[in-house]
Amino acid sequence: MKHFFAFLCLLAAVSSVAQPKILVVTAHPDDETTFSVTLYKIARDLKGTVDLALLTDGQGGFNGSELGSQFYGLNLTDSVVGRAHLPAIRKQELMNSGRIIGIRNSFFFDQKDDYYSQNPKPYLDGRNWDMAFIEKRLDDVLAKGGYDFVFTMLPDSTQHAHHKTATLAALRAVQRYKGPKKPVVLGGKEQNIGYEIQFAELKGYPETRIRKGAPLQTFSRRARFGHRNLLSYMIVADWVTAEYKTQGDLQNNGIHTGDLEVFWYYDLNGEAGLEPTRRLFEQIKATGYAGHK
């Protein structure tokens, strides 16, 4: 009986890597492009589950929508028109992106995408967003999802306040979580080969502290495969970015850029999550076309 129980534990540990459950918590439609290829490989190659919690309604994305206006037949650069129509349009763009990645469920929190700022305090204290609602819903999503990992955007000081708030909301939700197994929370960011991003924590928010000595986990979008090695996973990143017709700046400056998807390990995970994280990225690199370089 003892050996049988040990076998079941081993089987559960293996399956948690082979078919991981991921919750992505982001602020805007298109933020998932930060780690689109990693999510794609988890959903498509590892046959895992990817869900997404989106905090804003995306109505503030009207700057740079000139070609998007032509495509959709609406003057989306006009703030009044944009704010009226962008929530529905960008939600559909997100769903299109999700079909490529393999996202199972998208949870829409519909907080107002109000204006650009780098200060998360008005959102965290409930002045700009309904944080009580966000916290309750995130708690519910975590409780029902049984996730192995939560992905957030890395909350460096230059980030939009919405990005920082989404990350802090996710970190705090995991801290509150009372389930049998806390998910491991990682902070992701695009990075070019030869350039190193330095990040230790977002000042004033100790829950964002990165664990000292924890290795960065990466996946290269430039991994080559196929006939004469002409293909790479940058194709997937481009497919996803191309769905956001309303976001001209993202498409003009985001297509075919960002060599690596890099993930930082938050200190609040403790030691226990280091090995599952290592195994996850080891499997990501060993499966699919990247495993046949």
C-alpha atoms as a PDB file:
ATOM      1  CA  MET A   1       0.000   0.000   0.000  1.00  0.00           C
ATOM      2  CA  LYS A   2       2.869   2.337   0.908  1.00  0.00           C
ATOM      3  CA  HIS A   3       4.545   1.710  -2.471  1.00  0.00           C
ATOM      4  CA  PHE A   4       1.274   2.260  -4.307  1.00  0.00           C
ATOM      5  CA  PHE A   5       0.795   5.622  -2.557  1.00  0.00           C
ATOM      6  CA  ALA A   6       4.353   6.639  -3.463  1.00  0.00           C
ATOM      7  CA  PHE A   7       3.648   5.702  -7.072  1.00  0.00           C
ATOM      8  CA  LEU A   8       0.523   7.896  -7.114  1.00  0.00           C
ATOM      9  CA  CYS A   9       2.509  10.838  -5.703  1.00  0.00           C
ATOM     10  CA  LEU A  10       5.176  10.356  -8.372  1.00  0.00           C
ATOM     11  CA  LEU A  11       2.520  10.137 -11.075  1.00  0.00           C
ATOM     12  CA  ALA A  12       0.914  13.369  -9.848  1.00  0.00           C
ATOM     13  CA  ALA A  13       4.287  15.135  -9.832  1.00  0.00           C
ATOM     14  CA  VAL A  14       5.023  14.041 -13.400  1.00  0.00           C
ATOM     15  CA  SER A  15       1.569  14.967 -14.692  1.00  0.00           C
ATOM     16  CA  SER A  16       1.756  18.411 -13.080  1.00  0.00           C
ATOM     17  CA  VAL A  17       4.731  19.114 -15.333  1.00  0.00           C
ATOM     18  CA  ALA A  18       3.479  17.309 -18.430  1.00  0.00           C
ATOM     19  CA  GLN A  19       0.007  18.903 -18.366  1.00  0.00           C
ATOM     20  CA  PRO A  20       0.385  22.050 -16.266  1.00  0.00           C
ATOM     21  CA  LYS A  21      -2.453  24.389 -15.410  1.00  0.00           C
ATOM     22  CA  ILE A  22      -1.602  28.057 -15.917  1.00  0.00           C
ATOM     23  CA  LEU A  23      -3.487  31.211 -14.957  1.00  0.00           C
ATOM     24  CA  VAL A  24      -2.320  34.401 -16.669  1.00  0.00           C
ATOM     25  CA  VAL A  25      -3.258  37.666 -14.915  1.00  0.00           C
ATOM     26  CA  THR A  26      -2.898  40.780 -17.071  1.00  0.00           C
ATOM     27  CA  ALA A  27      -4.319  44.284 -17.378  1.00  0.00           C
ATOM     28  CA  HIS A  28      -5.010  44.847 -21.089  1.00  0.00           C
ATOM     29  CA  PRO A  29      -5.973  42.854 -24.150  1.00  0.00           C
ATOM     30  CA  ASP A  30      -2.565  42.244 -25.839  1.00  0.00           C
ATOM     31  CA  ASP A  31      -0.515  41.958 -22.604  1.00  0.00           C
ATOM     32  CA  GLU A  32      -0.417  38.194 -23.128  1.00  0.00           C
ATOM     33  CA  THR A  33       1.803  38.801 -26.167  1.00  0.00           C
ATOM     34  CA  THR A  34       4.622  39.160 -23.599  1.00  0.00           C
ATOM     35  CA  PHE A  35       4.710  35.372 -23.157  1.00  0.00           C
ATOM     36  CA  SER A  36       2.613  34.150 -26.075  1.00  0.00           C
ATOM     37  CA  VAL A  37       5.020  31.443 -27.268  1.00  0.00           C
ATOM     38  CA  THR A  38       5.532  29.938 -23.812  1.00  0.00           C
ATOM     39  CA  LEU A  39       1.753  29.785 -23.382  1.00  0.00           C
ATOM     40  CA  TYR A  40       1.349  28.327 -26.877  1.00  0.00           C
ATOM     41  CA  LYS A  41       3.818  25.553 -26.122  1.00  0.00           C
ATOM     42  CA  ILE A  42       2.190  24.770 -22.782  1.00  0.00           C
ATOM     43  CA  ALA A  43      -1.249  24.525 -24.383  1.00  0.00           C
ATOM     44  CA  ARG A  44      -0.257  22.866 -27.670  1.00  0.00           C
ATOM     45  CA  ASP A  45       2.822  20.763 -26.887  1.00  0.00           C
ATOM     46  CA  LEU A  46       2.345  19.903 -23.211  1.00  0.00           C
ATOM     47  CA  LYS A  47      -1.455  19.622 -23.584  1.00  0.00           C
ATOM     48  CA  GLY A  48      -1.771  21.860 -20.557  1.00  0.00           C
ATOM     49  CA  THR A  49      -4.480  24.313 -19.558  1.00  0.00           C
ATOM     50  CA  VAL A  50      -4.098  28.066 -20.018  1.00  0.00           C
ATOM     51  CA  ASP A  51      -6.693  30.455 -18.578  1.00  0.00           C
ATOM     52  CA  LEU A  52      -6.500  34.237 -18.568  1.00  0.00           C
ATOM     53  CA  ALA A  53      -7.833  36.843 -16.129  1.00  0.00           C
ATOM     54  CA  LEU A  54      -8.059  40.262 -17.800  1.00  0.00           C
ATOM     55  CA  LEU A  55      -8.544  43.197 -15.452  1.00  0.00           C
ATOM     56  CA  THR A  56      -9.452  46.145 -17.740  1.00  0.00           C
ATOM     57  CA  ASP A  57     -11.991  46.646 -20.492  1.00  0.00           C
ATOM     58  CA  GLY A  58      -9.336  47.997 -22.896  1.00  0.00           C
ATOM     59  CA  GLN A  59     -11.230  51.199 -23.727  1.00  0.00           C
ATOM     60  CA  GLY A  60      -8.132  53.377 -23.341  1.00  0.00           C
ATOM     61  CA  GLY A  61      -6.325  51.889 -26.337  1.00  0.00           C
ATOM     62  CA  PHE A  62      -7.412  54.497 -28.887  1.00  0.00           C
ATOM     63  CA  ASN A  63      -4.022  56.128 -29.501  1.00  0.00           C
ATOM     64  CA  GLY A  64      -2.368  54.736 -32.610  1.00  0.00           C
ATOM     65  CA  SER A  65      -5.566  53.207 -33.985  1.00  0.00           C
ATOM     66  CA  GLU A  66      -5.486  54.967 -37.367  1.00  0.00           C
ATOM     67  CA  LEU A  67      -5.229  51.809 -39.479  1.00  0.00           C
ATOM     68  CA  GLY A  68      -7.443  49.968 -37.022  1.00  0.00           C
ATOM     69  CA  SER A  69     -10.064  52.649 -37.602  1.00  0.00           C
ATOM     70  CA  GLN A  70      -9.933  51.975 -41.316  1.00  0.00           C
ATOM     71  CA  PHE A  71     -10.072  48.207 -40.770  1.00  0.00           C
ATOM     72  CA  TYR A  72     -13.093  48.370 -38.450  1.00  0.00           C
ATOM     73  CA  GLY A  73     -14.840  51.290 -40.156  1.00  0.00           C
ATOM     74  CA  LEU A  74     -14.914  53.415 -37.000  1.00  0.00           C
ATOM     75  CA  ASN A  75     -12.920  56.480 -35.976  1.00  0.00           C
ATOM     76  CA  LEU A  76     -11.313  54.718 -33.036  1.00  0.00           C
ATOM     77  CA  THR A  77      -8.714  57.475 -32.570  1.00  0.00           C
ATOM     78  CA  ASP A  78     -11.525  59.728 -31.350  1.00  0.00           C
ATOM     79  CA  SER A  79     -11.571  59.135 -27.600  1.00  0.00           C
ATOM     80  CA  VAL A  80     -15.375  59.155 -27.349  1.00  0.00           C
ATOM     81  CA  VAL A  81     -15.815  56.710 -30.231  1.00  0.00           C
ATOM     82  CA  GLY A  82     -12.850  54.625 -29.099  1.00  0.00           C
ATOM     83  CA  ARG A  83     -14.041  54.301 -25.526  1.00  0.00           C
ATOM     84  CA  ALA A  84     -17.506  53.311 -26.736  1.00  0.00           C
ATOM     85  CA  HIS A  85     -16.368  50.588 -29.164  1.00  0.00           C
ATOM     86  CA  LEU A  86     -12.919  49.388 -28.101  1.00  0.00           C
ATOM     87  CA  PRO A  87     -14.060  47.197 -25.180  1.00  0.00           C
ATOM     88  CA  ALA A  88     -16.022  44.904 -27.513  1.00  0.00           C
ATOM     89  CA  ILE A  89     -13.459  45.058 -30.334  1.00  0.00           C
ATOM     90  CA  ARG A  90     -10.434  44.404 -28.161  1.00  0.00           C
ATOM     91  CA  LYS A  91     -12.240  41.617 -26.324  1.00  0.00           C
ATOM     92  CA  GLN A  92     -12.739  39.937 -29.698  1.00  0.00           C
ATOM     93  CA  GLU A  93      -9.086  40.539 -30.583  1.00  0.00           C
ATOM     94  CA  LEU A  94      -8.134  38.849 -27.323  1.00  0.00           C
ATOM     95  CA  MET A  95     -10.377  35.887 -28.136  1.00  0.00           C
ATOM     96  CA  ASN A  96      -8.710  35.633 -31.568  1.00  0.00           C
ATOM     97  CA  SER A  97      -5.293  35.697 -29.892  1.00  0.00           C
ATOM     98  CA  GLY A  98      -6.498  33.080 -27.430  1.00  0.00           C
ATOM     99  CA  ARG A  99      -7.514  30.709 -30.203  1.00  0.00           C
ATOM    100  CA  ILE A 100      -3.960  30.800 -31.548  1.00  0.00           C
ATOM    101  CA  ILE A 101      -2.341  30.328 -28.151  1.00  0.00           C
ATOM    102  CA  GLY A 102      -4.839  27.728 -26.980  1.00  0.00           C
ATOM    103  CA  ILE A 103      -6.409  29.688 -24.108  1.00  0.00           C
ATOM    104  CA  ARG A 104      -9.285  27.723 -22.586  1.00  0.00           C
ATOM    105  CA  ASN A 105     -11.115  30.344 -20.511  1.00  0.00           C
ATOM    106  CA  SER A 106     -10.893  34.123 -20.397  1.00  0.00           C
ATOM    107  CA  PHE A 107     -12.231  35.844 -17.279  1.00  0.00           C
ATOM    108  CA  PHE A 108     -13.167  39.489 -17.906  1.00  0.00           C
ATOM    109  CA  PHE A 109     -13.071  41.832 -14.904  1.00  0.00           C
ATOM    110  CA  ASP A 110     -14.056  44.928 -16.965  1.00  0.00           C
ATOM    111  CA  GLN A 111     -12.336  47.594 -14.864  1.00  0.00           C
ATOM    112  CA  LYS A 112     -12.042  50.935 -16.639  1.00  0.00           C
ATOM    113  CA  ASP A 113      -8.926  51.340 -18.807  1.00  0.00           C
ATOM    114  CA  ASP A 114      -8.769  54.987 -17.812  1.00  0.00           C
ATOM    115  CA  TYR A 115      -5.420  56.709 -18.486  1.00  0.00           C
ATOM    116  CA  TYR A 116      -1.665  56.195 -18.512  1.00  0.00           C
ATOM    117  CA  SER A 117       0.135  56.442 -15.190  1.00  0.00           C
ATOM    118  CA  GLN A 118       2.960  54.660 -13.407  1.00  0.00           C
ATOM    119  CA  ASN A 119       1.404  54.976  -9.936  1.00  0.00           C
ATOM    120  CA  PRO A 120      -0.596  51.891  -8.889  1.00  0.00           C
ATOM    121  CA  LYS A 121      -1.841  53.339  -5.576  1.00  0.00           C
ATOM    122  CA  PRO A 122      -5.179  54.792  -6.819  1.00  0.00           C
ATOM    123  CA  TYR A 123      -6.040  51.352  -8.213  1.00  0.00           C
ATOM    124  CA  LEU A 124      -4.851  49.294  -5.269  1.00  0.00           C
ATOM    125  CA  ASP A 125      -6.688  51.443  -2.727  1.00  0.00           C
ATOM    126  CA  GLY A 126      -9.959  51.226  -4.657  1.00  0.00           C
ATOM    127  CA  ARG A 127     -10.226  54.801  -5.900  1.00  0.00           C
ATOM    128  CA  ASN A 128      -9.940  53.934  -9.611  1.00  0.00           C
ATOM    129  CA  TRP A 129     -10.892  50.243  -9.636  1.00  0.00           C
ATOM    130  CA  ASP A 130     -13.212  48.049  -7.594  1.00  0.00           C
ATOM    131  CA  MET A 131     -10.441  46.162  -5.811  1.00  0.00           C
ATOM    132  CA  ALA A 132     -12.861  44.335  -3.516  1.00  0.00           C
ATOM    133  CA  PHE A 133     -14.504  42.822  -6.595  1.00  0.00           C
ATOM    134  CA  ILE A 134     -11.134  42.025  -8.205  1.00  0.00           C
ATOM    135  CA  GLU A 135      -9.849  40.305  -5.067  1.00  0.00           C
ATOM    136  CA  LYS A 136     -13.009  38.256  -4.557  1.00  0.00           C
ATOM    137  CA  ARG A 137     -13.125  37.148  -8.181  1.00  0.00           C
ATOM    138  CA  LEU A 138      -9.417  36.285  -8.314  1.00  0.00           C
ATOM    139  CA  ASP A 139      -9.821  34.258  -5.121  1.00  0.00           C
ATOM    140  CA  ASP A 140     -12.716  32.399  -6.718  1.00  0.00           C
ATOM    141  CA  VAL A 141     -10.835  31.744  -9.967  1.00  0.00           C
ATOM    142  CA  LEU A 142      -7.829  30.401  -8.050  1.00  0.00           C
ATOM    143  CA  ALA A 143      -9.983  28.252  -5.784  1.00  0.00           C
ATOM    144  CA  LYS A 144     -11.763  26.609  -8.714  1.00  0.00           C
ATOM    145  CA  GLY A 145      -8.823  26.389 -11.124  1.00  0.00           C
ATOM    146  CA  GLY A 146      -6.322  24.213  -9.292  1.00  0.00           C
ATOM    147  CA  TYR A 147      -3.485  26.013 -11.066  1.00  0.00           C
ATOM    148  CA  ASP A 148       0.148  24.968 -10.941  1.00  0.00           C
ATOM    149  CA  PHE A 149       1.483  28.354 -12.057  1.00  0.00           C
ATOM    150  CA  VAL A 150       0.351  31.976 -12.271  1.00  0.00           C
ATOM    151  CA  PHE A 151       2.028  34.164 -14.897  1.00  0.00           C
ATOM    152  CA  THR A 152       2.216  37.944 -14.466  1.00  0.00           C
ATOM    153  CA  MET A 153       4.044  40.746 -16.212  1.00  0.00           C
ATOM    154  CA  LEU A 154       7.273  41.708 -14.460  1.00  0.00           C
ATOM    155  CA  PRO A 155       6.333  44.857 -12.484  1.00  0.00           C
ATOM    156  CA  ASP A 156       9.386  47.007 -13.117  1.00  0.00           C
ATOM    157  CA  SER A 157       9.226  50.713 -12.313  1.00  0.00           C
ATOM    158  CA  THR A 158       8.686  51.781 -15.930  1.00  0.00           C
ATOM    159  CA  GLN A 159       5.528  49.720 -16.349  1.00  0.00           C
ATOM    160  CA  HIS A 160       2.006  51.120 -16.725  1.00  0.00           C
ATOM    161  CA  ALA A 161       0.196  51.357 -13.379  1.00  0.00           C
ATOM    162  CA  HIS A 162      -2.402  48.929 -14.715  1.00  0.00           C
ATOM    163  CA  HIS A 163       0.310  46.324 -15.336  1.00  0.00           C
ATOM    164  CA  LYS A 164       1.734  46.801 -11.853  1.00  0.00           C
ATOM    165  CA  THR A 165      -1.706  46.587 -10.263  1.00  0.00           C
ATOM    166  CA  ALA A 166      -2.598  43.396 -12.132  1.00  0.00           C
ATOM    167  CA  THR A 167       0.656  41.792 -10.989  1.00  0.00           C
ATOM    168  CA  LEU A 168       0.227  42.921  -7.381  1.00  0.00           C
ATOM    169  CA  ALA A 169      -3.381  41.681  -7.371  1.00  0.00           C
ATOM    170  CA  ALA A 170      -2.197  38.270  -8.583  1.00  0.00           C
ATOM    171  CA  LEU A 171       0.629  38.056  -6.028  1.00  0.00           C
ATOM    172  CA  ARG A 172      -1.678  39.006  -3.178  1.00  0.00           C
ATOM    173  CA  ALA A 173      -4.327  36.535  -4.321  1.00  0.00           C
ATOM    174  CA  VAL A 174      -1.757  33.729  -4.215  1.00  0.00           C
ATOM    175  CA  GLN A 175      -0.665  34.872  -0.751  1.00  0.00           C
ATOM    176  CA  ARG A 176      -4.300  34.639   0.417  1.00  0.00           C
ATOM    177  CA  TYR A 177      -4.882  31.260  -1.222  1.00  0.00           C
ATOM    178  CA  LYS A 178      -5.716  28.516   1.286  1.00  0.00           C
ATOM    179  CA  GLY A 179      -5.980  25.557  -1.082  1.00  0.00           C
ATOM    180  CA  PRO A 180      -3.982  22.345  -0.820  1.00  0.00           C
ATOM    181  CA  LYS A 181      -1.234  23.558  -3.165  1.00  0.00           C
ATOM    182  CA  LYS A 182      -0.272  27.160  -3.811  1.00  0.00           C
ATOM    183  CA  PRO A 183       0.534  27.900  -7.442  1.00  0.00           C
ATOM    184  CA  VAL A 184       4.013  29.149  -8.283  1.00  0.00           C
ATOM    185  CA  VAL A 185       3.960  32.787  -9.450  1.00  0.00           C
ATOM    186  CA  LEU A 186       6.370  33.963 -12.144  1.00  0.00           C
ATOM    187  CA  GLY A 187       6.982  37.410 -13.642  1.00  0.00           C
ATOM    188  CA  GLY A 188       7.526  37.460 -17.390  1.00  0.00           C
ATOM    189  CA  LYS A 189       9.055  39.941 -19.810  1.00  0.00           C
ATOM    190  CA  GLU A 190      10.390  39.976 -23.361  1.00  0.00           C
ATOM    191  CA  GLN A 191      14.130  40.396 -23.728  1.00  0.00           C
ATOM    192  CA  ASN A 192      16.557  40.564 -26.626  1.00  0.00           C
ATOM    193  CA  ILE A 193      19.587  38.307 -26.816  1.00  0.00           C
ATOM    194  CA  GLY A 194      22.655  40.132 -25.500  1.00  0.00           C
ATOM    195  CA  TYR A 195      20.619  42.455 -23.264  1.00  0.00           C
ATOM    196  CA  GLU A 196      20.064  41.670 -19.590  1.00  0.00           C
ATOM    197  CA  ILE A 197      17.209  43.161 -17.593  1.00  0.00           C
ATOM    198  CA  GLN A 198      18.025  43.763 -13.935  1.00  0.00           C
ATOM    199  CA  PHE A 199      15.101  43.480 -11.533  1.00  0.00           C
ATOM    200  CA  ALA A 200      15.053  42.810  -7.776  1.00  0.00           C
ATOM    201  CA  GLU A 201      11.648  44.170  -6.707  1.00  0.00           C
ATOM    202  CA  LEU A 202       9.217  47.042  -7.232  1.00  0.00           C
ATOM    203  CA  LYS A 203      10.109  49.591  -4.552  1.00  0.00           C
ATOM    204  CA  GLY A 204       7.487  49.789  -1.841  1.00  0.00           C
ATOM    205  CA  TYR A 205       5.940  46.411  -2.678  1.00  0.00           C
ATOM    206  CA  PRO A 206       7.923  43.611  -0.998  1.00  0.00           C
ATOM    207  CA  GLU A 207       5.637  40.932  -2.416  1.00  0.00           C
ATOM    208  CA  THR A 208       7.291  41.576  -5.801  1.00  0.00           C
ATOM    209  CA  ARG A 209      10.757  40.645  -4.494  1.00  0.00           C
ATOM    210  CA  ILE A 210      12.630  38.173  -6.674  1.00  0.00           C
ATOM    211  CA  ARG A 211      14.268  35.238  -4.918  1.00  0.00           C
ATOM    212  CA  LYS A 212      18.028  35.619  -4.749  1.00  0.00           C
ATOM    213  CA  GLY A 213      19.856  32.875  -6.603  1.00  0.00           C
ATOM    214  CA  ALA A 214      16.752  31.601  -8.385  1.00  0.00           C
ATOM    215  CA  PRO A 215      17.669  31.002 -12.031  1.00  0.00           C
ATOM    216  CA  LEU A 216      15.898  32.910 -14.763  1.00  0.00           C
ATOM    217  CA  GLN A 217      13.802  30.645 -16.963  1.00  0.00           C
ATOM    218  CA  THR A 218      13.795  31.443 -20.674  1.00  0.00           C
ATOM    219  CA  PHE A 219      12.399  30.273 -23.957  1.00  0.00           C
ATOM    220  CA  SER A 220      13.862  31.492 -27.237  1.00  0.00           C
ATOM    221  CA  ARG A 221      11.394  32.522 -29.895  1.00  0.00           C
ATOM    222  CA  ARG A 222      14.333  32.241 -32.291  1.00  0.00           C
ATOM    223  CA  ALA A 223      14.590  28.441 -31.840  1.00  0.00           C
ATOM    224  CA  ARG A 224      14.976  27.136 -35.410  1.00  0.00           C
ATOM    225  CA  PHE A 225      13.304  24.109 -36.966  1.00  0.00           C
ATOM    226  CA  GLY A 226      11.666  22.882 -40.164  1.00  0.00           C
ATOM    227  CA  HIS A 227      12.895  22.757 -43.739  1.00  0.00           C
ATOM    228  CA  ARG A 228      16.461  24.122 -43.839  1.00  0.00           C
ATOM    229  CA  ASN A 229      15.811  25.623 -40.380  1.00  0.00           C
ATOM    230  CA  LEU A 230      13.821  28.392 -42.020  1.00  0.00           C
ATOM    231  CA  LEU A 231      11.149  28.509 -39.302  1.00  0.00           C
ATOM    232  CA  SER A 232      11.158  29.735 -35.726  1.00  0.00           C
ATOM    233  CA  TYR A 233       8.630  30.293 -32.951  1.00  0.00           C
ATOM    234  CA  MET A 234       8.717  33.989 -33.786  1.00  0.00           C
ATOM    235  CA  ILE A 235       5.976  33.030 -36.254  1.00  0.00           C
ATOM    236  CA  VAL A 236       3.622  32.266 -33.358  1.00  0.00           C
ATOM    237  CA  ALA A 237       4.486  35.556 -31.628  1.00  0.00           C
ATOM    238  CA  ASP A 238       3.746  37.391 -34.894  1.00  0.00           C
ATOM    239  CA  TRP A 239       0.435  35.556 -35.378  1.00  0.00           C
ATOM    240  CA  VAL A 240      -0.716  36.626 -31.915  1.00  0.00           C
ATOM    241  CA  THR A 241       0.426  40.240 -32.249  1.00  0.00           C
ATOM    242  CA  ALA A 242      -1.217  40.512 -35.670  1.00  0.00           C
ATOM    243  CA  GLU A 243      -4.653  39.927 -34.125  1.00  0.00           C
ATOM    244  CA  TYR A 244      -4.523  43.352 -32.460  1.00  0.00           C
ATOM    245  CA  LYS A 245      -5.560  45.514 -35.408  1.00  0.00           C
ATOM    246  CA  THR A 246      -6.516  48.365 -33.060  1.00  0.00           C
ATOM    247  CA  GLN A 247      -3.019  48.607 -31.579  1.00  0.00           C
ATOM    248  CA  GLY A 248      -0.833  50.170 -34.271  1.00  0.00           C
ATOM    249  CA  ASP A 249       2.135  50.830 -32.008  1.00  0.00           C
ATOM    250  CA  LEU A 250       2.186  47.213 -30.790  1.00  0.00           C
ATOM    251  CA  GLN A 251       2.049  45.880 -34.326  1.00  0.00           C
ATOM    252  CA  ASN A 252       4.582  48.293 -35.804  1.00  0.00           C
ATOM    253  CA  ASN A 253       7.104  47.906 -32.993  1.00  0.00           C
ATOM    254  CA  GLY A 254       6.199  44.477 -31.612  1.00  0.00           C
ATOM    255  CA  ILE A 255       6.132  42.307 -34.723  1.00  0.00           C
ATOM    256  CA  HIS A 256       9.206  40.069 -34.985  1.00  0.00           C
ATOM    257  CA  THR A 257      10.874  41.540 -31.904  1.00  0.00           C
ATOM    258  CA  GLY A 258      11.736  40.146 -28.487  1.00  0.00           C
ATOM    259  CA  ASP A 259      14.105  37.195 -28.902  1.00  0.00           C
ATOM    260  CA  LEU A 260      13.431  35.642 -25.507  1.00  0.00           C
ATOM    261  CA  GLU A 261      10.539  35.192 -23.147  1.00  0.00           C
ATOM    262  CA  VAL A 262      12.123  35.446 -19.702  1.00  0.00           C
ATOM    263  CA  PHE A 263      10.585  34.545 -16.338  1.00  0.00           C
ATOM    264  CA  TRP A 264      11.610  35.679 -12.854  1.00  0.00           C
ATOM    265  CA  TYR A 265      10.835  33.646  -9.716  1.00  0.00           C
ATOM    266  CA  TYR A 266       9.145  35.603  -6.914  1.00  0.00           C
ATOM    267  CA  ASP A 267      10.532  35.152  -3.421  1.00  0.00           C
ATOM    268  CA  LEU A 268       7.094  34.500  -1.913  1.00  0.00           C
ATOM    269  CA  ASN A 269       7.106  31.103  -3.650  1.00  0.00           C
ATOM    270  CA  GLY A 270       9.767  29.837  -1.258  1.00  0.00           C
ATOM    271  CA  GLU A 271      12.053  26.949  -2.161  1.00  0.00           C
ATOM    272  CA  ALA A 272       9.319  24.458  -2.961  1.00  0.00           C
ATOM    273  CA  GLY A 273       8.467  25.897  -6.368  1.00  0.00           C
ATOM    274  CA  LEU A 274      11.991  25.969  -7.779  1.00  0.00           C
ATOM    275  CA  GLU A 275      12.078  22.371  -8.967  1.00  0.00           C
ATOM    276  CA  PRO A 276       8.588  22.351 -10.574  1.00  0.00           C
ATOM    277  CA  THR A 277       9.528  25.590 -12.360  1.00  0.00           C
ATOM    278  CA  ARG A 278      12.771  24.098 -13.647  1.00  0.00           C
ATOM    279  CA  ARG A 279      10.946  20.983 -14.852  1.00  0.00           C
ATOM    280  CA  LEU A 280       8.259  23.030 -16.584  1.00  0.00           C
ATOM    281  CA  PHE A 281      10.734  24.962 -18.711  1.00  0.00           C
ATOM    282  CA  GLU A 282      12.828  21.872 -19.330  1.00  0.00           C
ATOM    283  CA  GLN A 283       9.729  20.202 -20.814  1.00  0.00           C
ATOM    284  CA  ILE A 284       8.790  23.300 -22.797  1.00  0.00           C
ATOM    285  CA  LYS A 285      12.217  23.282 -24.436  1.00  0.00           C
ATOM    286  CA  ALA A 286      12.209  19.514 -25.043  1.00  0.00           C
ATOM    287  CA  THR A 287       8.788  19.243 -26.699  1.00  0.00           C
ATOM    288  CA  GLY A 288       7.330  20.320 -30.008  1.00  0.00           C
ATOM    289  CA  TYR A 289       9.546  21.574 -32.792  1.00  0.00           C
ATOM    290  CA  ALA A 290      12.001  23.189 -30.390  1.00  0.00           C
ATOM    291  CA  GLY A 291      12.857  19.677 -29.241  1.00  0.00           C
ATOM    292  CA  HIS A 292      13.937  18.751 -32.767  1.00  0.00           C
ATOM    293  CA  LYS A 293      16.548  21.426 -33.429  1.00  0.00           C
END
